Amino acid sequence: MNIFGIGLPEMILIMLVALLIFGPKKLPEIGRSMGKAIKGFQDASREFESEFKREADRLEQVPSQVATATPVAANPLPTEAVTVESVAEVAIEEVKAVTTADA
């Protein structure tokens, strides 16, 4: 039996020292508190893992939706009307098209 790199003899020694320090009445209470803390940590860990997987799945779906989006013409505006603002408007419309297709 090897937990966290601690063998059975070391565990027995730690338990004896804890028994001497805290006494037989406090030891069960301390054990319960530690158990609750470990359970809370495990629950938080599971929740973090599930949220991480959910977000990774969502991000994997985005490239496939972008690939199926309607391509933009190479130059949607006449050459004389191409400005930074017009390019930004076209980009915003494309983003809206992709996000509405996502919903």
PDB file of N, CA and C in Angstrom:
ATOM      1  N   MET A   1       0.845  -1.172   0.000  1.00  0.00           N
ATOM      2  CA  MET A   1       0.000   0.000   0.000  1.00  0.00           C
ATOM      3  C   MET A   1       0.893   1.239   0.000  1.00  0.00           C
ATOM      4  N   ASN A   2       0.720   2.090  -1.005  1.00  0.00           N
ATOM      5  CA  ASN A   2       1.573   3.255  -1.147  1.00  0.00           C
ATOM      6  C   ASN A   2       0.716   4.444  -1.568  1.00  0.00           C
ATOM      7  N   ILE A   3       0.433   5.340  -0.647  1.00  0.00           N
ATOM      8  CA  ILE A   3      -0.399   6.507  -0.921  1.00  0.00           C
ATOM      9  C   ILE A   3       0.476   7.753  -0.827  1.00  0.00           C
ATOM     10  N   PHE A   4       0.556   8.526  -1.905  1.00  0.00           N
ATOM     11  CA  PHE A   4       1.363   9.744  -1.963  1.00  0.00           C
ATOM     12  C   PHE A   4       2.822   9.470  -1.606  1.00  0.00           C
ATOM     13  N   GLY A   5       3.321   8.294  -1.947  1.00  0.00           N
ATOM     14  CA  GLY A   5       4.710   7.957  -1.655  1.00  0.00           C
ATOM     15  C   GLY A   5       4.952   7.586  -0.198  1.00  0.00           C
ATOM     16  N   ILE A   6       3.873   7.400   0.570  1.00  0.00           N
ATOM     17  CA  ILE A   6       4.002   7.036   1.983  1.00  0.00           C
ATOM     18  C   ILE A   6       3.565   5.586   2.137  1.00  0.00           C
ATOM     19  N   GLY A   7       4.436   4.771   2.718  1.00  0.00           N
ATOM     20  CA  GLY A   7       4.131   3.362   2.909  1.00  0.00           C
ATOM     21  C   GLY A   7       3.319   3.124   4.170  1.00  0.00           C
ATOM     22  N   LEU A   8       2.975   1.861   4.426  1.00  0.00           N
ATOM     23  CA  LEU A   8       2.174   1.493   5.584  1.00  0.00           C
ATOM     24  C   LEU A   8       2.859   1.828   6.916  1.00  0.00           C
ATOM     25  N   PRO A   9       4.160   1.550   7.090  1.00  0.00           N
ATOM     26  CA  PRO A   9       4.787   1.908   8.377  1.00  0.00           C
ATOM     27  C   PRO A   9       4.752   3.419   8.659  1.00  0.00           C
ATOM     28  N   GLU A  10       4.974   4.214   7.622  1.00  0.00           N
ATOM     29  CA  GLU A  10       4.941   5.662   7.816  1.00  0.00           C
ATOM     30  C   GLU A  10       3.531   6.136   8.175  1.00  0.00           C
ATOM     31  N   MET A  11       2.514   5.530   7.539  1.00  0.00           N
ATOM     32  CA  MET A  11       1.124   5.897   7.845  1.00  0.00           C
ATOM     33  C   MET A  11       0.789   5.579   9.298  1.00  0.00           C
ATOM     34  N   ILE A  12       1.218   4.428   9.776  1.00  0.00           N
ATOM     35  CA  ILE A  12       0.956   4.043  11.169  1.00  0.00           C
ATOM     36  C   ILE A  12       1.634   5.027  12.118  1.00  0.00           C
ATOM     37  N   LEU A  13       2.858   5.413  11.806  1.00  0.00           N
ATOM     38  CA  LEU A  13       3.579   6.371  12.647  1.00  0.00           C
ATOM     39  C   LEU A  13       2.864   7.727  12.663  1.00  0.00           C
ATOM     40  N   ILE A  14       2.402   8.177  11.523  1.00  0.00           N
ATOM     41  CA  ILE A  14       1.676   9.451  11.458  1.00  0.00           C
ATOM     42  C   ILE A  14       0.388   9.372  12.273  1.00  0.00           C
ATOM     43  N   MET A  15      -0.334   8.260  12.174  1.00  0.00           N
ATOM     44  CA  MET A  15      -1.581   8.101  12.935  1.00  0.00           C
ATOM     45  C   MET A  15      -1.317   8.100  14.443  1.00  0.00           C
ATOM     46  N   LEU A  16      -0.244   7.428  14.872  1.00  0.00           N
ATOM     47  CA  LEU A  16       0.096   7.417  16.292  1.00  0.00           C
ATOM     48  C   LEU A  16       0.446   8.816  16.803  1.00  0.00           C
ATOM     49  N   VAL A  17       1.221   9.552  16.016  1.00  0.00           N
ATOM     50  CA  VAL A  17       1.583  10.923  16.415  1.00  0.00           C
ATOM     51  C   VAL A  17       0.325  11.788  16.478  1.00  0.00           C
ATOM     52  N   ALA A  18      -0.570  11.657  15.501  1.00  0.00           N
ATOM     53  CA  ALA A  18      -1.816  12.422  15.500  1.00  0.00           C
ATOM     54  C   ALA A  18      -2.667  12.052  16.708  1.00  0.00           C
ATOM     55  N   LEU A  19      -2.696  10.772  17.062  1.00  0.00           N
ATOM     56  CA  LEU A  19      -3.465  10.318  18.222  1.00  0.00           C
ATOM     57  C   LEU A  19      -2.903  10.921  19.510  1.00  0.00           C
ATOM     58  N   LEU A  20      -1.583  10.976  19.603  1.00  0.00           N
ATOM     59  CA  LEU A  20      -0.956  11.560  20.790  1.00  0.00           C
ATOM     60  C   LEU A  20      -1.192  13.069  20.869  1.00  0.00           C
ATOM     61  N   ILE A  21      -1.145  13.747  19.738  1.00  0.00           N
ATOM     62  CA  ILE A  21      -1.284  15.206  19.738  1.00  0.00           C
ATOM     63  C   ILE A  21      -2.735  15.629  19.978  1.00  0.00           C
ATOM     64  N   PHE A  22      -3.680  15.038  19.240  1.00  0.00           N
ATOM     65  CA  PHE A  22      -5.067  15.487  19.292  1.00  0.00           C
ATOM     66  C   PHE A  22      -5.942  14.708  20.270  1.00  0.00           C
ATOM     67  N   GLY A  23      -5.553  13.509  20.621  1.00  0.00           N
ATOM     68  CA  GLY A  23      -6.348  12.714  21.543  1.00  0.00           C
ATOM     69  C   GLY A  23      -7.438  11.932  20.815  1.00  0.00           C
ATOM     70  N   PRO A  24      -7.988  10.917  21.483  1.00  0.00           N
ATOM     71  CA  PRO A  24      -8.963  10.043  20.828  1.00  0.00           C
ATOM     72  C   PRO A  24     -10.317  10.711  20.557  1.00  0.00           C
ATOM     73  N   LYS A  25     -10.644  11.781  21.271  1.00  0.00           N
ATOM     74  CA  LYS A  25     -11.948  12.432  21.062  1.00  0.00           C
ATOM     75  C   LYS A  25     -11.929  13.369  19.856  1.00  0.00           C
ATOM     76  N   LYS A  26     -10.811  14.022  19.591  1.00  0.00           N
ATOM     77  CA  LYS A  26     -10.720  14.973  18.488  1.00  0.00           C
ATOM     78  C   LYS A  26     -10.398  14.298  17.158  1.00  0.00           C
ATOM     79  N   LEU A  27      -9.780  13.125  17.175  1.00  0.00           N
ATOM     80  CA  LEU A  27      -9.328  12.466  15.939  1.00  0.00           C
ATOM     81  C   LEU A  27     -10.469  12.174  14.963  1.00  0.00           C
ATOM     82  N   PRO A  28     -11.619  11.635  15.400  1.00  0.00           N
ATOM     83  CA  PRO A  28     -12.711  11.413  14.439  1.00  0.00           C
ATOM     84  C   PRO A  28     -13.234  12.715  13.826  1.00  0.00           C
ATOM     85  N   GLU A  29     -13.272  13.762  14.622  1.00  0.00           N
ATOM     86  CA  GLU A  29     -13.729  15.060  14.118  1.00  0.00           C
ATOM     87  C   GLU A  29     -12.768  15.597  13.053  1.00  0.00           C
ATOM     88  N   ILE A  30     -11.495  15.464  13.294  1.00  0.00           N
ATOM     89  CA  ILE A  30     -10.492  15.908  12.320  1.00  0.00           C
ATOM     90  C   ILE A  30     -10.589  15.066  11.053  1.00  0.00           C
ATOM     91  N   GLY A  31     -10.801  13.763  11.214  1.00  0.00           N
ATOM     92  CA  GLY A  31     -10.953  12.886  10.050  1.00  0.00           C
ATOM     93  C   GLY A  31     -12.159  13.265   9.199  1.00  0.00           C
ATOM     94  N   ARG A  32     -13.271  13.574   9.846  1.00  0.00           N
ATOM     95  CA  ARG A  32     -14.469  14.015   9.109  1.00  0.00           C
ATOM     96  C   ARG A  32     -14.197  15.308   8.350  1.00  0.00           C
ATOM     97  N   SER A  33     -13.541  16.249   9.005  1.00  0.00           N
ATOM     98  CA  SER A  33     -13.235  17.530   8.360  1.00  0.00           C
ATOM     99  C   SER A  33     -12.334  17.327   7.143  1.00  0.00           C
ATOM    100  N   MET A  34     -11.347  16.465   7.287  1.00  0.00           N
ATOM    101  CA  MET A  34     -10.454  16.187   6.161  1.00  0.00           C
ATOM    102  C   MET A  34     -11.205  15.487   5.031  1.00  0.00           C
ATOM    103  N   GLY A  35     -12.090  14.581   5.386  1.00  0.00           N
ATOM    104  CA  GLY A  35     -12.886  13.882   4.373  1.00  0.00           C
ATOM    105  C   GLY A  35     -13.774  14.830   3.593  1.00  0.00           C
ATOM    106  N   LYS A  36     -14.407  15.764   4.306  1.00  0.00           N
ATOM    107  CA  LYS A  36     -15.259  16.759   3.636  1.00  0.00           C
ATOM    108  C   LYS A  36     -14.429  17.652   2.724  1.00  0.00           C
ATOM    109  N   ALA A  37     -13.244  18.032   3.181  1.00  0.00           N
ATOM    110  CA  ALA A  37     -12.377  18.887   2.363  1.00  0.00           C
ATOM    111  C   ALA A  37     -11.947  18.160   1.092  1.00  0.00           C
ATOM    112  N   ILE A  38     -11.593  16.896   1.213  1.00  0.00           N
ATOM    113  CA  ILE A  38     -11.174  16.108   0.047  1.00  0.00           C
ATOM    114  C   ILE A  38     -12.345  15.926  -0.909  1.00  0.00           C
ATOM    115  N   LYS A  39     -13.532  15.669  -0.376  1.00  0.00           N
ATOM    116  CA  LYS A  39     -14.723  15.511  -1.232  1.00  0.00           C
ATOM    117  C   LYS A  39     -15.034  16.808  -1.971  1.00  0.00           C
ATOM    118  N   GLY A  40     -14.923  17.940  -1.290  1.00  0.00           N
ATOM    119  CA  GLY A  40     -15.143  19.234  -1.936  1.00  0.00           C
ATOM    120  C   GLY A  40     -14.135  19.477  -3.048  1.00  0.00           C
ATOM    121  N   PHE A  41     -12.887  19.111  -2.801  1.00  0.00           N
ATOM    122  CA  PHE A  41     -11.850  19.263  -3.826  1.00  0.00           C
ATOM    123  C   PHE A  41     -12.147  18.374  -5.026  1.00  0.00           C
ATOM    124  N   GLN A  42     -12.571  17.137  -4.796  1.00  0.00           N
ATOM    125  CA  GLN A  42     -12.902  16.226  -5.892  1.00  0.00           C
ATOM    126  C   GLN A  42     -14.086  16.747  -6.702  1.00  0.00           C
ATOM    127  N   ASP A  43     -15.104  17.277  -6.037  1.00  0.00           N
ATOM    128  CA  ASP A  43     -16.265  17.831  -6.746  1.00  0.00           C
ATOM    129  C   ASP A  43     -15.851  19.012  -7.623  1.00  0.00           C
ATOM    130  N   ALA A  44     -15.043  19.895  -7.066  1.00  0.00           N
ATOM    131  CA  ALA A  44     -14.578  21.053  -7.837  1.00  0.00           C
ATOM    132  C   ALA A  44     -13.726  20.610  -9.019  1.00  0.00           C
ATOM    133  N   SER A  45     -12.916  19.597  -8.803  1.00  0.00           N
ATOM    134  CA  SER A  45     -12.072  19.068  -9.879  1.00  0.00           C
ATOM    135  C   SER A  45     -12.922  18.475 -10.993  1.00  0.00           C
ATOM    136  N   ARG A  46     -13.957  17.710 -10.644  1.00  0.00           N
ATOM    137  CA  ARG A  46     -14.851  17.124 -11.652  1.00  0.00           C
ATOM    138  C   ARG A  46     -15.581  18.212 -12.436  1.00  0.00           C
ATOM    139  N   GLU A  47     -16.044  19.228 -11.724  1.00  0.00           N
ATOM    140  CA  GLU A  47     -16.761  20.325 -12.380  1.00  0.00           C
ATOM    141  C   GLU A  47     -15.840  21.068 -13.355  1.00  0.00           C
ATOM    142  N   PHE A  48     -14.598  21.326 -12.921  1.00  0.00           N
ATOM    143  CA  PHE A  48     -13.632  21.994 -13.797  1.00  0.00           C
ATOM    144  C   PHE A  48     -13.345  21.147 -15.031  1.00  0.00           C
ATOM    145  N   GLU A  49     -13.169  19.852 -14.835  1.00  0.00           N
ATOM    146  CA  GLU A  49     -12.881  18.959 -15.956  1.00  0.00           C
ATOM    147  C   GLU A  49     -14.040  18.910 -16.947  1.00  0.00           C
ATOM    148  N   SER A  50     -15.269  18.828 -16.451  1.00  0.00           N
ATOM    149  CA  SER A  50     -16.417  18.773 -17.354  1.00  0.00           C
ATOM    150  C   SER A  50     -16.586  20.091 -18.108  1.00  0.00           C
ATOM    151  N   GLU A  51     -16.356  21.212 -17.441  1.00  0.00           N
ATOM    152  CA  GLU A  51     -16.457  22.499 -18.136  1.00  0.00           C
ATOM    153  C   GLU A  51     -15.353  22.635 -19.181  1.00  0.00           C
ATOM    154  N   PHE A  52     -14.170  22.163 -18.862  1.00  0.00           N
ATOM    155  CA  PHE A  52     -13.054  22.210 -19.812  1.00  0.00           C
ATOM    156  C   PHE A  52     -13.369  21.373 -21.050  1.00  0.00           C
ATOM    157  N   LYS A  53     -13.908  20.164 -20.853  1.00  0.00           N
ATOM    158  CA  LYS A  53     -14.275  19.308 -21.982  1.00  0.00           C
ATOM    159  C   LYS A  53     -15.390  19.934 -22.810  1.00  0.00           C
ATOM    160  N   ARG A  54     -16.380  20.521 -22.143  1.00  0.00           N
ATOM    161  CA  ARG A  54     -17.493  21.159 -22.850  1.00  0.00           C
ATOM    162  C   ARG A  54     -16.986  22.306 -23.725  1.00  0.00           C
ATOM    163  N   GLU A  55     -16.070  23.105 -23.188  1.00  0.00           N
ATOM    164  CA  GLU A  55     -15.525  24.232 -23.947  1.00  0.00           C
ATOM    165  C   GLU A  55     -14.652  23.728 -25.099  1.00  0.00           C
ATOM    166  N   ALA A  56     -13.883  22.677 -24.878  1.00  0.00           N
ATOM    167  CA  ALA A  56     -13.057  22.116 -25.952  1.00  0.00           C
ATOM    168  C   ALA A  56     -13.931  21.571 -27.078  1.00  0.00           C
ATOM    169  N   ASP A  57     -15.023  20.912 -26.738  1.00  0.00           N
ATOM    170  CA  ASP A  57     -15.952  20.416 -27.765  1.00  0.00           C
ATOM    171  C   ASP A  57     -16.568  21.569 -28.549  1.00  0.00           C
ATOM    172  N   ARG A  58     -16.913  22.642 -27.838  1.00  0.00           N
ATOM    173  CA  ARG A  58     -17.495  23.797 -28.517  1.00  0.00           C
ATOM    174  C   ARG A  58     -16.489  24.421 -29.482  1.00  0.00           C
ATOM    175  N   LEU A  59     -15.235  24.508 -29.067  1.00  0.00           N
ATOM    176  CA  LEU A  59     -14.207  25.092 -29.929  1.00  0.00           C
ATOM    177  C   LEU A  59     -13.896  24.203 -31.124  1.00  0.00           C
ATOM    178  N   GLU A  60     -14.029  22.890 -30.972  1.00  0.00           N
ATOM    179  CA  GLU A  60     -13.800  21.981 -32.096  1.00  0.00           C
ATOM    180  C   GLU A  60     -14.891  22.129 -33.145  1.00  0.00           C
ATOM    181  N   GLN A  61     -16.094  22.510 -32.759  1.00  0.00           N
ATOM    182  CA  GLN A  61     -17.193  22.652 -33.696  1.00  0.00           C
ATOM    183  C   GLN A  61     -17.099  23.942 -34.502  1.00  0.00           C
ATOM    184  N   VAL A  62     -16.440  24.969 -33.996  1.00  0.00           N
ATOM    185  CA  VAL A  62     -16.368  26.263 -34.677  1.00  0.00           C
ATOM    186  C   VAL A  62     -15.676  26.169 -36.034  1.00  0.00           C
ATOM    187  N   PRO A  63     -14.510  25.505 -36.202  1.00  0.00           N
ATOM    188  CA  PRO A  63     -13.884  25.454 -37.524  1.00  0.00           C
ATOM    189  C   PRO A  63     -14.767  24.788 -38.585  1.00  0.00           C
ATOM    190  N   SER A  64     -15.526  23.768 -38.225  1.00  0.00           N
ATOM    191  CA  SER A  64     -16.383  23.120 -39.206  1.00  0.00           C
ATOM    192  C   SER A  64     -17.502  24.053 -39.645  1.00  0.00           C
ATOM    193  N   GLN A  65     -17.991  24.890 -38.740  1.00  0.00           N
ATOM    194  CA  GLN A  65     -19.042  25.845 -39.101  1.00  0.00           C
ATOM    195  C   GLN A  65     -18.476  26.965 -39.968  1.00  0.00           C
ATOM    196  N   VAL A  66     -17.245  27.372 -39.702  1.00  0.00           N
ATOM    197  CA  VAL A  66     -16.618  28.414 -40.504  1.00  0.00           C
ATOM    198  C   VAL A  66     -16.359  27.884 -41.910  1.00  0.00           C
ATOM    199  N   ALA A  67     -15.972  26.623 -42.035  1.00  0.00           N
ATOM    200  CA  ALA A  67     -15.691  26.038 -43.343  1.00  0.00           C
ATOM    201  C   ALA A  67     -16.949  25.950 -44.200  1.00  0.00           C
ATOM    202  N   THR A  68     -18.111  25.785 -43.597  1.00  0.00           N
ATOM    203  CA  THR A  68     -19.350  25.683 -44.359  1.00  0.00           C
ATOM    204  C   THR A  68     -20.007  27.038 -44.596  1.00  0.00           C
ATOM    205  N   ALA A  69     -19.435  28.117 -44.046  1.00  0.00           N
ATOM    206  CA  ALA A  69     -20.001  29.457 -44.231  1.00  0.00           C
ATOM    207  C   ALA A  69     -19.812  29.895 -45.682  1.00  0.00           C
ATOM    208  N   THR A  70     -20.655  30.786 -46.132  1.00  0.00           N
ATOM    209  CA  THR A  70     -20.579  31.301 -47.495  1.00  0.00           C
ATOM    210  C   THR A  70     -19.321  32.141 -47.659  1.00  0.00           C
ATOM    211  N   PRO A  71     -18.495  31.839 -48.665  1.00  0.00           N
ATOM    212  CA  PRO A  71     -17.261  32.618 -48.833  1.00  0.00           C
ATOM    213  C   PRO A  71     -17.573  34.038 -49.296  1.00  0.00           C
ATOM    214  N   VAL A  72     -16.721  34.961 -48.902  1.00  0.00           N
ATOM    215  CA  VAL A  72     -16.869  36.359 -49.274  1.00  0.00           C
ATOM    216  C   VAL A  72     -16.156  36.565 -50.601  1.00  0.00           C
ATOM    217  N   ALA A  73     -16.715  37.388 -51.468  1.00  0.00           N
ATOM    218  CA  ALA A  73     -16.056  37.702 -52.729  1.00  0.00           C
ATOM    219  C   ALA A  73     -14.720  38.362 -52.434  1.00  0.00           C
ATOM    220  N   ALA A  74     -13.761  38.191 -53.328  1.00  0.00           N
ATOM    221  CA  ALA A  74     -12.420  38.731 -53.109  1.00  0.00           C
ATOM    222  C   ALA A  74     -12.454  40.241 -52.905  1.00  0.00           C
ATOM    223  N   ASN A  75     -13.297  40.928 -53.639  1.00  0.00           N
ATOM    224  CA  ASN A  75     -13.403  42.378 -53.502  1.00  0.00           C
ATOM    225  C   ASN A  75     -14.886  42.744 -53.602  1.00  0.00           C
ATOM    226  N   PRO A  76     -15.626  42.709 -52.493  1.00  0.00           N
ATOM    227  CA  PRO A  76     -17.065  42.919 -52.560  1.00  0.00           C
ATOM    228  C   PRO A  76     -17.465  44.353 -52.902  1.00  0.00           C
ATOM    229  N   LEU A  77     -16.565  45.305 -52.761  1.00  0.00           N
ATOM    230  CA  LEU A  77     -16.869  46.706 -53.024  1.00  0.00           C
ATOM    231  C   LEU A  77     -16.060  47.181 -54.240  1.00  0.00           C
ATOM    232  N   PRO A  78     -16.546  48.174 -54.929  1.00  0.00           N
ATOM    233  CA  PRO A  78     -15.747  48.733 -56.024  1.00  0.00           C
ATOM    234  C   PRO A  78     -14.410  49.236 -55.499  1.00  0.00           C
ATOM    235  N   THR A  79     -13.392  49.190 -56.344  1.00  0.00           N
ATOM    236  CA  THR A  79     -12.034  49.539 -55.929  1.00  0.00           C
ATOM    237  C   THR A  79     -11.945  50.936 -55.338  1.00  0.00           C
ATOM    238  N   GLU A  80     -12.635  51.897 -55.906  1.00  0.00           N
ATOM    239  CA  GLU A  80     -12.536  53.265 -55.414  1.00  0.00           C
ATOM    240  C   GLU A  80     -13.208  53.445 -54.051  1.00  0.00           C
ATOM    241  N   ALA A  81     -14.109  52.530 -53.658  1.00  0.00           N
ATOM    242  CA  ALA A  81     -14.831  52.677 -52.400  1.00  0.00           C
ATOM    243  C   ALA A  81     -14.231  51.861 -51.257  1.00  0.00           C
ATOM    244  N   VAL A  82     -13.138  51.181 -51.500  1.00  0.00           N
ATOM    245  CA  VAL A  82     -12.551  50.343 -50.451  1.00  0.00           C
ATOM    246  C   VAL A  82     -11.828  51.222 -49.445  1.00  0.00           C
ATOM    247  N   THR A  83     -12.344  51.202 -48.205  1.00  0.00           N
ATOM    248  CA  THR A  83     -11.723  51.937 -47.107  1.00  0.00           C
ATOM    249  C   THR A  83     -11.642  51.001 -45.913  1.00  0.00           C
ATOM    250  N   VAL A  84     -10.967  51.452 -44.901  1.00  0.00           N
ATOM    251  CA  VAL A  84     -10.848  50.646 -43.685  1.00  0.00           C
ATOM    252  C   VAL A  84     -12.230  50.396 -43.101  1.00  0.00           C
ATOM    253  N   GLU A  85     -13.085  51.407 -43.115  1.00  0.00           N
ATOM    254  CA  GLU A  85     -14.423  51.272 -42.557  1.00  0.00           C
ATOM    255  C   GLU A  85     -15.252  50.258 -43.335  1.00  0.00           C
ATOM    256  N   SER A  86     -15.144  50.295 -44.666  1.00  0.00           N
ATOM    257  CA  SER A  86     -15.938  49.363 -45.467  1.00  0.00           C
ATOM    258  C   SER A  86     -15.461  47.925 -45.272  1.00  0.00           C
ATOM    259  N   VAL A  87     -14.161  47.743 -45.156  1.00  0.00           N
ATOM    260  CA  VAL A  87     -13.633  46.397 -44.907  1.00  0.00           C
ATOM    261  C   VAL A  87     -14.090  45.916 -43.535  1.00  0.00           C
ATOM    262  N   ALA A  88     -14.096  46.812 -42.544  1.00  0.00           N
ATOM    263  CA  ALA A  88     -14.539  46.441 -41.197  1.00  0.00           C
ATOM    264  C   ALA A  88     -16.010  46.062 -41.209  1.00  0.00           C
ATOM    265  N   GLU A  89     -16.839  46.782 -41.982  1.00  0.00           N
ATOM    266  CA  GLU A  89     -18.258  46.465 -42.064  1.00  0.00           C
ATOM    267  C   GLU A  89     -18.475  45.084 -42.664  1.00  0.00           C
ATOM    268  N   VAL A  90     -17.719  44.760 -43.710  1.00  0.00           N
ATOM    269  CA  VAL A  90     -17.836  43.442 -44.344  1.00  0.00           C
ATOM    270  C   VAL A  90     -17.417  42.358 -43.355  1.00  0.00           C
ATOM    271  N   ALA A  91     -16.344  42.605 -42.606  1.00  0.00           N
ATOM    272  CA  ALA A  91     -15.886  41.626 -41.622  1.00  0.00           C
ATOM    273  C   ALA A  91     -16.937  41.425 -40.533  1.00  0.00           C
ATOM    274  N   ILE A  92     -17.556  42.495 -40.090  1.00  0.00           N
ATOM    275  CA  ILE A  92     -18.594  42.398 -39.059  1.00  0.00           C
ATOM    276  C   ILE A  92     -19.782  41.604 -39.575  1.00  0.00           C
ATOM    277  N   GLU A  93     -20.171  41.836 -40.831  1.00  0.00           N
ATOM    278  CA  GLU A  93     -21.282  41.083 -41.409  1.00  0.00           C
ATOM    279  C   GLU A  93     -20.963  39.600 -41.495  1.00  0.00           C
ATOM    280  N   GLU A  94     -19.722  39.262 -41.832  1.00  0.00           N
ATOM    281  CA  GLU A  94     -19.324  37.858 -41.906  1.00  0.00           C
ATOM    282  C   GLU A  94     -19.364  37.204 -40.519  1.00  0.00           C
ATOM    283  N   VAL A  95     -18.891  37.926 -39.517  1.00  0.00           N
ATOM    284  CA  VAL A  95     -18.919  37.389 -38.153  1.00  0.00           C
ATOM    285  C   VAL A  95     -20.366  37.165 -37.722  1.00  0.00           C
ATOM    286  N   LYS A  96     -21.229  38.113 -38.033  1.00  0.00           N
ATOM    287  CA  LYS A  96     -22.654  37.958 -37.684  1.00  0.00           C
ATOM    288  C   LYS A  96     -23.254  36.754 -38.388  1.00  0.00           C
ATOM    289  N   ALA A  97     -22.880  36.550 -39.662  1.00  0.00           N
ATOM    290  CA  ALA A  97     -23.410  35.417 -40.422  1.00  0.00           C
ATOM    291  C   ALA A  97     -22.976  34.095 -39.799  1.00  0.00           C
ATOM    292  N   VAL A  98     -21.724  34.022 -39.370  1.00  0.00           N
ATOM    293  CA  VAL A  98     -21.206  32.786 -38.759  1.00  0.00           C
ATOM    294  C   VAL A  98     -21.850  32.558 -37.394  1.00  0.00           C
ATOM    295  N   THR A  99     -22.007  33.624 -36.599  1.00  0.00           N
ATOM    296  CA  THR A  99     -22.587  33.439 -35.265  1.00  0.00           C
ATOM    297  C   THR A  99     -24.065  33.126 -35.321  1.00  0.00           C
ATOM    298  N   THR A 100     -24.793  33.689 -36.294  1.00  0.00           N
ATOM    299  CA  THR A 100     -26.210  33.354 -36.400  1.00  0.00           C
ATOM    300  C   THR A 100     -26.397  31.940 -36.932  1.00  0.00           C
ATOM    301  N   ALA A 101     -25.467  31.469 -37.743  1.00  0.00           N
ATOM    302  CA  ALA A 101     -25.518  30.086 -38.208  1.00  0.00           C
ATOM    303  C   ALA A 101     -25.224  29.141 -37.049  1.00  0.00           C
ATOM    304  N   ASP A 102     -24.442  29.611 -36.069  1.00  0.00           N
ATOM    305  CA  ASP A 102     -24.088  28.812 -34.888  1.00  0.00           C
ATOM    306  C   ASP A 102     -25.289  28.662 -33.971  1.00  0.00           C
ATOM    307  N   ALA A 103     -26.133  29.662 -33.895  1.00  0.00           N
ATOM    308  CA  ALA A 103     -27.273  29.656 -32.973  1.00  0.00           C
ATOM    309  C   ALA A 103     -28.413  28.866 -33.492  1.00  0.00           C
TER     310      ALA A 103
END
